[in-house]
Amino acid sequence: MFEMPKKQTAMESLQMDYRTHERVTGRLTPADKNRMVARNILHEELGMFADPQGAVYSLHEDTRDRLLAHARQDASHALCNTISLMSGSKSQSRLLLIAIGLLAYIAYRVS
């Protein structure tokens, strides 16, 4: 009889993502790891893993929307800080233009 596979923990999933990416691409850069950790944390917060859920939030819609807007602002700030730290003026200029575009998009979506 067919058995459903057990649900992974967040850490098991992240380690599998690392191994799979490295096998497929032949490398695993810090940027790759950062992207995978960010996605893993999102999936963990959404309850997609076997780990027990942490706090359950009962927020009013206005409060939730405000927190979401601040989270987008925080993400944009983190992106800009990352760009500032990166070396290479050509790649930095391109990333800055992307960041400005992303910030404009976020500002438009939040308002």
PDB file of N, CA and C in Angstrom:
ATOM      1  N   MET A   1       0.834  -1.174   0.000  1.00  0.00           N
ATOM      2  CA  MET A   1       0.000   0.000   0.000  1.00  0.00           C
ATOM      3  C   MET A   1       0.887   1.248   0.000  1.00  0.00           C
ATOM      4  N   PHE A   2       0.422   2.298  -0.632  1.00  0.00           N
ATOM      5  CA  PHE A   2       1.178   3.544  -0.741  1.00  0.00           C
ATOM      6  C   PHE A   2       1.119   4.314   0.565  1.00  0.00           C
ATOM      7  N   GLU A   3       2.286   4.754   1.060  1.00  0.00           N
ATOM      8  CA  GLU A   3       2.354   5.571   2.267  1.00  0.00           C
ATOM      9  C   GLU A   3       2.770   6.972   1.909  1.00  0.00           C
ATOM     10  N   MET A   4       2.099   7.930   2.516  1.00  0.00           N
ATOM     11  CA  MET A   4       2.478   9.325   2.308  1.00  0.00           C
ATOM     12  C   MET A   4       3.812   9.568   3.006  1.00  0.00           C
ATOM     13  N   PRO A   5       4.723  10.290   2.357  1.00  0.00           N
ATOM     14  CA  PRO A   5       5.992  10.586   3.029  1.00  0.00           C
ATOM     15  C   PRO A   5       5.750  11.496   4.229  1.00  0.00           C
ATOM     16  N   LYS A   6       6.617  11.339   5.240  1.00  0.00           N
ATOM     17  CA  LYS A   6       6.455  12.185   6.425  1.00  0.00           C
ATOM     18  C   LYS A   6       6.813  13.624   6.067  1.00  0.00           C
ATOM     19  N   LYS A   7       6.186  14.537   6.727  1.00  0.00           N
ATOM     20  CA  LYS A   7       6.440  15.955   6.519  1.00  0.00           C
ATOM     21  C   LYS A   7       7.813  16.301   7.095  1.00  0.00           C
ATOM     22  N   GLN A   8       8.582  17.070   6.349  1.00  0.00           N
ATOM     23  CA  GLN A   8       9.918  17.468   6.789  1.00  0.00           C
ATOM     24  C   GLN A   8       9.853  18.591   7.818  1.00  0.00           C
ATOM     25  N   THR A   9      10.934  18.670   8.617  1.00  0.00           N
ATOM     26  CA  THR A   9      11.099  19.847   9.464  1.00  0.00           C
ATOM     27  C   THR A   9      11.681  20.958   8.604  1.00  0.00           C
ATOM     28  N   ALA A  10      11.673  22.168   9.119  1.00  0.00           N
ATOM     29  CA  ALA A  10      12.232  23.300   8.385  1.00  0.00           C
ATOM     30  C   ALA A  10      13.717  23.074   8.106  1.00  0.00           C
ATOM     31  N   MET A  11      14.466  22.568   9.100  1.00  0.00           N
ATOM     32  CA  MET A  11      15.898  22.349   8.922  1.00  0.00           C
ATOM     33  C   MET A  11      16.173  21.246   7.900  1.00  0.00           C
ATOM     34  N   GLU A  12      15.400  20.175   7.928  1.00  0.00           N
ATOM     35  CA  GLU A  12      15.570  19.104   6.940  1.00  0.00           C
ATOM     36  C   GLU A  12      15.335  19.630   5.527  1.00  0.00           C
ATOM     37  N   SER A  13      14.319  20.433   5.381  1.00  0.00           N
ATOM     38  CA  SER A  13      14.008  21.001   4.075  1.00  0.00           C
ATOM     39  C   SER A  13      15.124  21.919   3.585  1.00  0.00           C
ATOM     40  N   LEU A  14      15.633  22.757   4.475  1.00  0.00           N
ATOM     41  CA  LEU A  14      16.704  23.682   4.093  1.00  0.00           C
ATOM     42  C   LEU A  14      17.956  22.915   3.683  1.00  0.00           C
ATOM     43  N   GLN A  15      18.322  21.899   4.444  1.00  0.00           N
ATOM     44  CA  GLN A  15      19.505  21.098   4.102  1.00  0.00           C
ATOM     45  C   GLN A  15      19.319  20.389   2.765  1.00  0.00           C
ATOM     46  N   MET A  16      18.105  19.910   2.507  1.00  0.00           N
ATOM     47  CA  MET A  16      17.841  19.266   1.214  1.00  0.00           C
ATOM     48  C   MET A  16      17.942  20.282   0.079  1.00  0.00           C
ATOM     49  N   ASP A  17      17.437  21.485   0.304  1.00  0.00           N
ATOM     50  CA  ASP A  17      17.544  22.541  -0.715  1.00  0.00           C
ATOM     51  C   ASP A  17      19.008  22.837  -1.033  1.00  0.00           C
ATOM     52  N   TYR A  18      19.830  22.948   0.010  1.00  0.00           N
ATOM     53  CA  TYR A  18      21.267  23.192  -0.196  1.00  0.00           C
ATOM     54  C   TYR A  18      21.884  22.087  -1.052  1.00  0.00           C
ATOM     55  N   ARG A  19      21.653  20.835  -0.646  1.00  0.00           N
ATOM     56  CA  ARG A  19      22.255  19.694  -1.367  1.00  0.00           C
ATOM     57  C   ARG A  19      21.776  19.634  -2.819  1.00  0.00           C
ATOM     58  N   THR A  20      20.480  19.810  -3.009  1.00  0.00           N
ATOM     59  CA  THR A  20      19.911  19.738  -4.357  1.00  0.00           C
ATOM     60  C   THR A  20      20.479  20.836  -5.246  1.00  0.00           C
ATOM     61  N   HIS A  21      20.515  22.046  -4.735  1.00  0.00           N
ATOM     62  CA  HIS A  21      21.036  23.170  -5.532  1.00  0.00           C
ATOM     63  C   HIS A  21      22.498  22.929  -5.908  1.00  0.00           C
ATOM     64  N   GLU A  22      23.270  22.455  -4.951  1.00  0.00           N
ATOM     65  CA  GLU A  22      24.688  22.227  -5.223  1.00  0.00           C
ATOM     66  C   GLU A  22      24.882  21.108  -6.248  1.00  0.00           C
ATOM     67  N   ARG A  23      24.061  20.079  -6.171  1.00  0.00           N
ATOM     68  CA  ARG A  23      24.167  18.984  -7.151  1.00  0.00           C
ATOM     69  C   ARG A  23      23.774  19.437  -8.556  1.00  0.00           C
ATOM     70  N   VAL A  24      22.754  20.253  -8.631  1.00  0.00           N
ATOM     71  CA  VAL A  24      22.257  20.699  -9.934  1.00  0.00           C
ATOM     72  C   VAL A  24      23.174  21.742 -10.557  1.00  0.00           C
ATOM     73  N   THR A  25      23.616  22.718  -9.764  1.00  0.00           N
ATOM     74  CA  THR A  25      24.396  23.821 -10.330  1.00  0.00           C
ATOM     75  C   THR A  25      25.900  23.656 -10.159  1.00  0.00           C
ATOM     76  N   GLY A  26      26.312  22.772  -9.248  1.00  0.00           N
ATOM     77  CA  GLY A  26      27.737  22.582  -9.001  1.00  0.00           C
ATOM     78  C   GLY A  26      28.328  23.601  -8.047  1.00  0.00           C
ATOM     79  N   ARG A  27      27.494  24.462  -7.483  1.00  0.00           N
ATOM     80  CA  ARG A  27      27.994  25.470  -6.536  1.00  0.00           C
ATOM     81  C   ARG A  27      26.862  25.910  -5.622  1.00  0.00           C
ATOM     82  N   LEU A  28      27.256  26.489  -4.496  1.00  0.00           N
ATOM     83  CA  LEU A  28      26.295  27.018  -3.545  1.00  0.00           C
ATOM     84  C   LEU A  28      26.895  28.279  -2.954  1.00  0.00           C
ATOM     85  N   THR A  29      26.492  29.417  -3.484  1.00  0.00           N
ATOM     86  CA  THR A  29      27.058  30.699  -3.072  1.00  0.00           C
ATOM     87  C   THR A  29      26.343  31.223  -1.823  1.00  0.00           C
ATOM     88  N   PRO A  30      26.957  32.177  -1.138  1.00  0.00           N
ATOM     89  CA  PRO A  30      26.262  32.796  -0.003  1.00  0.00           C
ATOM     90  C   PRO A  30      24.919  33.411  -0.416  1.00  0.00           C
ATOM     91  N   ALA A  31      24.849  33.984  -1.601  1.00  0.00           N
ATOM     92  CA  ALA A  31      23.584  34.553  -2.080  1.00  0.00           C
ATOM     93  C   ALA A  31      22.525  33.463  -2.256  1.00  0.00           C
ATOM     94  N   ASP A  32      22.944  32.293  -2.759  1.00  0.00           N
ATOM     95  CA  ASP A  32      22.018  31.160  -2.891  1.00  0.00           C
ATOM     96  C   ASP A  32      21.481  30.754  -1.522  1.00  0.00           C
ATOM     97  N   LYS A  33      22.391  30.643  -0.556  1.00  0.00           N
ATOM     98  CA  LYS A  33      21.987  30.256   0.804  1.00  0.00           C
ATOM     99  C   LYS A  33      21.031  31.287   1.399  1.00  0.00           C
ATOM    100  N   ASN A  34      21.342  32.567   1.233  1.00  0.00           N
ATOM    101  CA  ASN A  34      20.479  33.618   1.774  1.00  0.00           C
ATOM    102  C   ASN A  34      19.071  33.521   1.201  1.00  0.00           C
ATOM    103  N   ARG A  35      18.983  33.302  -0.108  1.00  0.00           N
ATOM    104  CA  ARG A  35      17.677  33.191  -0.766  1.00  0.00           C
ATOM    105  C   ARG A  35      16.910  31.988  -0.223  1.00  0.00           C
ATOM    106  N   MET A  36      17.614  30.877  -0.054  1.00  0.00           N
ATOM    107  CA  MET A  36      16.957  29.662   0.429  1.00  0.00           C
ATOM    108  C   MET A  36      16.507  29.795   1.883  1.00  0.00           C
ATOM    109  N   VAL A  37      17.318  30.439   2.711  1.00  0.00           N
ATOM    110  CA  VAL A  37      16.934  30.653   4.110  1.00  0.00           C
ATOM    111  C   VAL A  37      15.696  31.538   4.177  1.00  0.00           C
ATOM    112  N   ALA A  38      15.663  32.594   3.393  1.00  0.00           N
ATOM    113  CA  ALA A  38      14.511  33.507   3.402  1.00  0.00           C
ATOM    114  C   ALA A  38      13.234  32.768   3.006  1.00  0.00           C
ATOM    115  N   ARG A  39      13.314  31.959   1.953  1.00  0.00           N
ATOM    116  CA  ARG A  39      12.141  31.202   1.507  1.00  0.00           C
ATOM    117  C   ARG A  39      11.737  30.178   2.568  1.00  0.00           C
ATOM    118  N   ASN A  40      12.724  29.538   3.186  1.00  0.00           N
ATOM    119  CA  ASN A  40      12.471  28.537   4.212  1.00  0.00           C
ATOM    120  C   ASN A  40      11.755  29.157   5.418  1.00  0.00           C
ATOM    121  N   ILE A  41      12.191  30.341   5.822  1.00  0.00           N
ATOM    122  CA  ILE A  41      11.556  31.022   6.958  1.00  0.00           C
ATOM    123  C   ILE A  41      10.105  31.363   6.623  1.00  0.00           C
ATOM    124  N   LEU A  42       9.867  31.841   5.408  1.00  0.00           N
ATOM    125  CA  LEU A  42       8.493  32.125   4.987  1.00  0.00           C
ATOM    126  C   LEU A  42       7.640  30.864   5.073  1.00  0.00           C
ATOM    127  N   HIS A  43       8.146  29.758   4.523  1.00  0.00           N
ATOM    128  CA  HIS A  43       7.387  28.506   4.537  1.00  0.00           C
ATOM    129  C   HIS A  43       7.171  28.000   5.965  1.00  0.00           C
ATOM    130  N   GLU A  44       8.158  28.225   6.826  1.00  0.00           N
ATOM    131  CA  GLU A  44       8.005  27.836   8.229  1.00  0.00           C
ATOM    132  C   GLU A  44       6.887  28.647   8.887  1.00  0.00           C
ATOM    133  N   GLU A  45       6.864  29.958   8.632  1.00  0.00           N
ATOM    134  CA  GLU A  45       5.814  30.814   9.188  1.00  0.00           C
ATOM    135  C   GLU A  45       4.435  30.439   8.655  1.00  0.00           C
ATOM    136  N   LEU A  46       4.390  29.921   7.427  1.00  0.00           N
ATOM    137  CA  LEU A  46       3.113  29.517   6.836  1.00  0.00           C
ATOM    138  C   LEU A  46       2.668  28.135   7.303  1.00  0.00           C
ATOM    139  N   GLY A  47       3.510  27.472   8.130  1.00  0.00           N
ATOM    140  CA  GLY A  47       3.138  26.175   8.685  1.00  0.00           C
ATOM    141  C   GLY A  47       3.297  25.011   7.725  1.00  0.00           C
ATOM    142  N   MET A  48       4.218  25.114   6.796  1.00  0.00           N
ATOM    143  CA  MET A  48       4.391  24.078   5.779  1.00  0.00           C
ATOM    144  C   MET A  48       5.276  22.911   6.226  1.00  0.00           C
ATOM    145  N   PHE A  49       5.845  22.980   7.418  1.00  0.00           N
ATOM    146  CA  PHE A  49       6.764  21.945   7.879  1.00  0.00           C
ATOM    147  C   PHE A  49       6.181  21.213   9.083  1.00  0.00           C
ATOM    148  N   ALA A  50       6.848  20.130   9.459  1.00  0.00           N
ATOM    149  CA  ALA A  50       6.404  19.309  10.586  1.00  0.00           C
ATOM    150  C   ALA A  50       6.645  19.984  11.927  1.00  0.00           C
ATOM    151  N   ASP A  51       7.513  21.001  11.950  1.00  0.00           N
ATOM    152  CA  ASP A  51       7.788  21.701  13.204  1.00  0.00           C
ATOM    153  C   ASP A  51       6.485  22.252  13.775  1.00  0.00           C
ATOM    154  N   PRO A  52       6.369  22.204  15.109  1.00  0.00           N
ATOM    155  CA  PRO A  52       5.159  22.815  15.690  1.00  0.00           C
ATOM    156  C   PRO A  52       5.167  24.319  15.443  1.00  0.00           C
ATOM    157  N   GLN A  53       4.000  24.856  15.189  1.00  0.00           N
ATOM    158  CA  GLN A  53       3.885  26.292  14.954  1.00  0.00           C
ATOM    159  C   GLN A  53       4.182  27.039  16.237  1.00  0.00           C
ATOM    160  N   GLY A  54       4.792  28.175  16.073  1.00  0.00           N
ATOM    161  CA  GLY A  54       5.055  29.038  17.221  1.00  0.00           C
ATOM    162  C   GLY A  54       3.794  29.780  17.611  1.00  0.00           C
ATOM    163  N   ALA A  55       3.936  31.020  17.840  1.00  0.00           N
ATOM    164  CA  ALA A  55       2.803  31.839  18.267  1.00  0.00           C
ATOM    165  C   ALA A  55       1.750  31.925  17.169  1.00  0.00           C
ATOM    166  N   VAL A  56       0.517  31.904  17.568  1.00  0.00           N
ATOM    167  CA  VAL A  56      -0.586  32.115  16.649  1.00  0.00           C
ATOM    168  C   VAL A  56      -1.072  33.536  16.879  1.00  0.00           C
ATOM    169  N   TYR A  57      -1.149  34.301  15.811  1.00  0.00           N
ATOM    170  CA  TYR A  57      -1.495  35.707  15.936  1.00  0.00           C
ATOM    171  C   TYR A  57      -2.967  35.917  15.592  1.00  0.00           C
ATOM    172  N   SER A  58      -3.635  36.646  16.418  1.00  0.00           N
ATOM    173  CA  SER A  58      -5.019  37.043  16.150  1.00  0.00           C
ATOM    174  C   SER A  58      -5.015  38.566  16.025  1.00  0.00           C
ATOM    175  N   LEU A  59      -4.776  39.016  14.815  1.00  0.00           N
ATOM    176  CA  LEU A  59      -4.634  40.453  14.581  1.00  0.00           C
ATOM    177  C   LEU A  59      -5.860  40.987  13.856  1.00  0.00           C
ATOM    178  N   HIS A  60      -6.212  42.207  14.183  1.00  0.00           N
ATOM    179  CA  HIS A  60      -7.261  42.887  13.425  1.00  0.00           C
ATOM    180  C   HIS A  60      -6.717  43.171  12.031  1.00  0.00           C
ATOM    181  N   GLU A  61      -7.597  43.291  11.094  1.00  0.00           N
ATOM    182  CA  GLU A  61      -7.187  43.501   9.701  1.00  0.00           C
ATOM    183  C   GLU A  61      -6.321  44.749   9.531  1.00  0.00           C
ATOM    184  N   ASP A  62      -6.674  45.853  10.172  1.00  0.00           N
ATOM    185  CA  ASP A  62      -5.886  47.090  10.061  1.00  0.00           C
ATOM    186  C   ASP A  62      -4.474  46.895  10.619  1.00  0.00           C
ATOM    187  N   THR A  63      -4.378  46.213  11.758  1.00  0.00           N
ATOM    188  CA  THR A  63      -3.066  45.948  12.369  1.00  0.00           C
ATOM    189  C   THR A  63      -2.230  45.062  11.459  1.00  0.00           C
ATOM    190  N   ARG A  64      -2.842  44.015  10.925  1.00  0.00           N
ATOM    191  CA  ARG A  64      -2.136  43.106  10.027  1.00  0.00           C
ATOM    192  C   ARG A  64      -1.620  43.847   8.793  1.00  0.00           C
ATOM    193  N   ASP A  65      -2.449  44.698   8.213  1.00  0.00           N
ATOM    194  CA  ASP A  65      -2.046  45.455   7.029  1.00  0.00           C
ATOM    195  C   ASP A  65      -0.892  46.403   7.344  1.00  0.00           C
ATOM    196  N   ARG A  66      -0.943  47.040   8.515  1.00  0.00           N
ATOM    197  CA  ARG A  66       0.131  47.947   8.920  1.00  0.00           C
ATOM    198  C   ARG A  66       1.439  47.181   9.096  1.00  0.00           C
ATOM    199  N   LEU A  67       1.363  46.018   9.744  1.00  0.00           N
ATOM    200  CA  LEU A  67       2.563  45.196   9.926  1.00  0.00           C
ATOM    201  C   LEU A  67       3.122  44.722   8.591  1.00  0.00           C
ATOM    202  N   LEU A  68       2.244  44.388   7.671  1.00  0.00           N
ATOM    203  CA  LEU A  68       2.688  43.963   6.349  1.00  0.00           C
ATOM    204  C   LEU A  68       3.405  45.099   5.629  1.00  0.00           C
ATOM    205  N   ALA A  69       2.876  46.297   5.736  1.00  0.00           N
ATOM    206  CA  ALA A  69       3.524  47.456   5.104  1.00  0.00           C
ATOM    207  C   ALA A  69       4.895  47.697   5.721  1.00  0.00           C
ATOM    208  N   HIS A  70       5.000  47.572   7.037  1.00  0.00           N
ATOM    209  CA  HIS A  70       6.297  47.759   7.701  1.00  0.00           C
ATOM    210  C   HIS A  70       7.273  46.645   7.324  1.00  0.00           C
ATOM    211  N   ALA A  71       6.776  45.444   7.153  1.00  0.00           N
ATOM    212  CA  ALA A  71       7.645  44.334   6.736  1.00  0.00           C
ATOM    213  C   ALA A  71       8.204  44.592   5.340  1.00  0.00           C
ATOM    214  N   ARG A  72       7.383  45.129   4.466  1.00  0.00           N
ATOM    215  CA  ARG A  72       7.868  45.470   3.127  1.00  0.00           C
ATOM    216  C   ARG A  72       8.917  46.571   3.200  1.00  0.00           C
ATOM    217  N   GLN A  73       8.692  47.537   4.062  1.00  0.00           N
ATOM    218  CA  GLN A  73       9.670  48.605   4.246  1.00  0.00           C
ATOM    219  C   GLN A  73      10.978  48.030   4.785  1.00  0.00           C
ATOM    220  N   ASP A  74      10.888  47.142   5.759  1.00  0.00           N
ATOM    221  CA  ASP A  74      12.085  46.514   6.322  1.00  0.00           C
ATOM    222  C   ASP A  74      12.840  45.719   5.258  1.00  0.00           C
ATOM    223  N   ALA A  75      12.104  45.005   4.425  1.00  0.00           N
ATOM    224  CA  ALA A  75      12.745  44.226   3.360  1.00  0.00           C
ATOM    225  C   ALA A  75      13.447  45.147   2.368  1.00  0.00           C
ATOM    226  N   SER A  76      12.819  46.253   2.036  1.00  0.00           N
ATOM    227  CA  SER A  76      13.442  47.216   1.122  1.00  0.00           C
ATOM    228  C   SER A  76      14.698  47.812   1.740  1.00  0.00           C
ATOM    229  N   HIS A  77      14.632  48.111   3.027  1.00  0.00           N
ATOM    230  CA  HIS A  77      15.780  48.666   3.731  1.00  0.00           C
ATOM    231  C   HIS A  77      16.929  47.659   3.734  1.00  0.00           C
ATOM    232  N   ALA A  78      16.613  46.407   4.003  1.00  0.00           N
ATOM    233  CA  ALA A  78      17.637  45.360   3.996  1.00  0.00           C
ATOM    234  C   ALA A  78      18.263  45.219   2.607  1.00  0.00           C
ATOM    235  N   LEU A  79      17.434  45.294   1.582  1.00  0.00           N
ATOM    236  CA  LEU A  79      17.946  45.215   0.216  1.00  0.00           C
ATOM    237  C   LEU A  79      18.895  46.366  -0.073  1.00  0.00           C
ATOM    238  N   CYS A  80      18.515  47.563   0.311  1.00  0.00           N
ATOM    239  CA  CYS A  80      19.377  48.726   0.074  1.00  0.00           C
ATOM    240  C   CYS A  80      20.691  48.608   0.849  1.00  0.00           C
ATOM    241  N   ASN A  81      20.635  48.123   2.083  1.00  0.00           N
ATOM    242  CA  ASN A  81      21.862  47.918   2.850  1.00  0.00           C
ATOM    243  C   ASN A  81      22.764  46.893   2.188  1.00  0.00           C
ATOM    244  N   THR A  82      22.183  45.844   1.673  1.00  0.00           N
ATOM    245  CA  THR A  82      22.957  44.803   0.981  1.00  0.00           C
ATOM    246  C   THR A  82      23.632  45.377  -0.250  1.00  0.00           C
ATOM    247  N   ILE A  83      22.894  46.160  -0.997  1.00  0.00           N
ATOM    248  CA  ILE A  83      23.458  46.778  -2.194  1.00  0.00           C
ATOM    249  C   ILE A  83      24.622  47.690  -1.829  1.00  0.00           C
ATOM    250  N   SER A  84      24.478  48.437  -0.745  1.00  0.00           N
ATOM    251  CA  SER A  84      25.550  49.336  -0.301  1.00  0.00           C
ATOM    252  C   SER A  84      26.822  48.572   0.039  1.00  0.00           C
ATOM    253  N   LEU A  85      26.668  47.373   0.535  1.00  0.00           N
ATOM    254  CA  LEU A  85      27.820  46.584   0.951  1.00  0.00           C
ATOM    255  C   LEU A  85      28.497  45.830  -0.200  1.00  0.00           C
ATOM    256  N   MET A  86      27.787  45.683  -1.292  1.00  0.00           N
ATOM    257  CA  MET A  86      28.348  44.916  -2.413  1.00  0.00           C
ATOM    258  C   MET A  86      29.439  45.711  -3.112  1.00  0.00           C
ATOM    259  N   SER A  87      30.407  44.977  -3.617  1.00  0.00           N
ATOM    260  CA  SER A  87      31.506  45.654  -4.317  1.00  0.00           C
ATOM    261  C   SER A  87      31.260  45.656  -5.819  1.00  0.00           C
ATOM    262  N   GLY A  88      31.991  46.513  -6.498  1.00  0.00           N
ATOM    263  CA  GLY A  88      31.879  46.595  -7.956  1.00  0.00           C
ATOM    264  C   GLY A  88      30.882  47.643  -8.373  1.00  0.00           C
ATOM    265  N   SER A  89      31.365  48.709  -8.950  1.00  0.00           N
ATOM    266  CA  SER A  89      30.486  49.831  -9.261  1.00  0.00           C
ATOM    267  C   SER A  89      29.453  49.495 -10.335  1.00  0.00           C
ATOM    268  N   LYS A  90      29.828  48.673 -11.353  1.00  0.00           N
ATOM    269  CA  LYS A  90      28.855  48.361 -12.404  1.00  0.00           C
ATOM    270  C   LYS A  90      27.707  47.533 -11.850  1.00  0.00           C
ATOM    271  N   SER A  91      28.036  46.466 -11.143  1.00  0.00           N
ATOM    272  CA  SER A  91      26.970  45.631 -10.603  1.00  0.00           C
ATOM    273  C   SER A  91      26.198  46.383  -9.533  1.00  0.00           C
ATOM    274  N   GLN A  92      26.889  47.242  -8.798  1.00  0.00           N
ATOM    275  CA  GLN A  92      26.234  48.022  -7.759  1.00  0.00           C
ATOM    276  C   GLN A  92      25.242  49.004  -8.379  1.00  0.00           C
ATOM    277  N   SER A  93      25.616  49.620  -9.478  1.00  0.00           N
ATOM    278  CA  SER A  93      24.724  50.560 -10.147  1.00  0.00           C
ATOM    279  C   SER A  93      23.472  49.859 -10.655  1.00  0.00           C
ATOM    280  N   ARG A  94      23.663  48.680 -11.252  1.00  0.00           N
ATOM    281  CA  ARG A  94      22.504  47.926 -11.746  1.00  0.00           C
ATOM    282  C   ARG A  94      21.586  47.539 -10.593  1.00  0.00           C
ATOM    283  N   LEU A  95      22.179  47.054  -9.510  1.00  0.00           N
ATOM    284  CA  LEU A  95      21.373  46.653  -8.364  1.00  0.00           C
ATOM    285  C   LEU A  95      20.663  47.842  -7.735  1.00  0.00           C
ATOM    286  N   LEU A  96      21.308  48.982  -7.746  1.00  0.00           N
ATOM    287  CA  LEU A  96      20.673  50.172  -7.198  1.00  0.00           C
ATOM    288  C   LEU A  96      19.444  50.549  -8.017  1.00  0.00           C
ATOM    289  N   LEU A  97      19.557  50.463  -9.330  1.00  0.00           N
ATOM    290  CA  LEU A  97      18.399  50.746 -10.185  1.00  0.00           C
ATOM    291  C   LEU A  97      17.275  49.748  -9.921  1.00  0.00           C
ATOM    292  N   ILE A  98      17.624  48.482  -9.735  1.00  0.00           N
ATOM    293  CA  ILE A  98      16.623  47.466  -9.415  1.00  0.00           C
ATOM    294  C   ILE A  98      15.975  47.785  -8.076  1.00  0.00           C
ATOM    295  N   ALA A  99      16.806  48.169  -7.098  1.00  0.00           N
ATOM    296  CA  ALA A  99      16.278  48.492  -5.767  1.00  0.00           C
ATOM    297  C   ALA A  99      15.336  49.680  -5.827  1.00  0.00           C
ATOM    298  N   ILE A 100      15.703  50.701  -6.586  1.00  0.00           N
ATOM    299  CA  ILE A 100      14.839  51.878  -6.718  1.00  0.00           C
ATOM    300  C   ILE A 100      13.518  51.478  -7.358  1.00  0.00           C
ATOM    301  N   GLY A 101      13.581  50.644  -8.373  1.00  0.00           N
ATOM    302  CA  GLY A 101      12.363  50.150  -9.008  1.00  0.00           C
ATOM    303  C   GLY A 101      11.516  49.337  -8.047  1.00  0.00           C
ATOM    304  N   LEU A 102      12.176  48.487  -7.254  1.00  0.00           N
ATOM    305  CA  LEU A 102      11.461  47.681  -6.272  1.00  0.00           C
ATOM    306  C   LEU A 102      10.812  48.562  -5.205  1.00  0.00           C
ATOM    307  N   LEU A 103      11.542  49.566  -4.733  1.00  0.00           N
ATOM    308  CA  LEU A 103      10.991  50.477  -3.744  1.00  0.00           C
ATOM    309  C   LEU A 103       9.784  51.241  -4.295  1.00  0.00           C
ATOM    310  N   ALA A 104       9.885  51.672  -5.533  1.00  0.00           N
ATOM    311  CA  ALA A 104       8.766  52.384  -6.153  1.00  0.00           C
ATOM    312  C   ALA A 104       7.550  51.465  -6.264  1.00  0.00           C
ATOM    313  N   TYR A 105       7.773  50.198  -6.638  1.00  0.00           N
ATOM    314  CA  TYR A 105       6.701  49.239  -6.751  1.00  0.00           C
ATOM    315  C   TYR A 105       6.047  48.985  -5.385  1.00  0.00           C
ATOM    316  N   ILE A 106       6.874  48.812  -4.358  1.00  0.00           N
ATOM    317  CA  ILE A 106       6.360  48.559  -3.013  1.00  0.00           C
ATOM    318  C   ILE A 106       5.570  49.770  -2.519  1.00  0.00           C
ATOM    319  N   ALA A 107       6.111  50.958  -2.733  1.00  0.00           N
ATOM    320  CA  ALA A 107       5.411  52.178  -2.306  1.00  0.00           C
ATOM    321  C   ALA A 107       4.053  52.282  -3.010  1.00  0.00           C
ATOM    322  N   TYR A 108       4.012  51.922  -4.271  1.00  0.00           N
ATOM    323  CA  TYR A 108       2.760  51.963  -5.034  1.00  0.00           C
ATOM    324  C   TYR A 108       1.768  50.948  -4.486  1.00  0.00           C
ATOM    325  N   ARG A 109       2.243  49.723  -4.180  1.00  0.00           N
ATOM    326  CA  ARG A 109       1.365  48.651  -3.702  1.00  0.00           C
ATOM    327  C   ARG A 109       0.835  48.925  -2.299  1.00  0.00           C
ATOM    328  N   VAL A 110       1.658  49.565  -1.456  1.00  0.00           N
ATOM    329  CA  VAL A 110       1.253  49.820  -0.081  1.00  0.00           C
ATOM    330  C   VAL A 110       0.234  50.958  -0.023  1.00  0.00           C
ATOM    331  N   SER A 111       0.378  51.930  -0.912  1.00  0.00           N
ATOM    332  CA  SER A 111      -0.547  53.078  -0.853  1.00  0.00           C
ATOM    333  C   SER A 111      -1.873  52.791  -1.494  1.00  0.00           C
TER     334      SER A 111
END
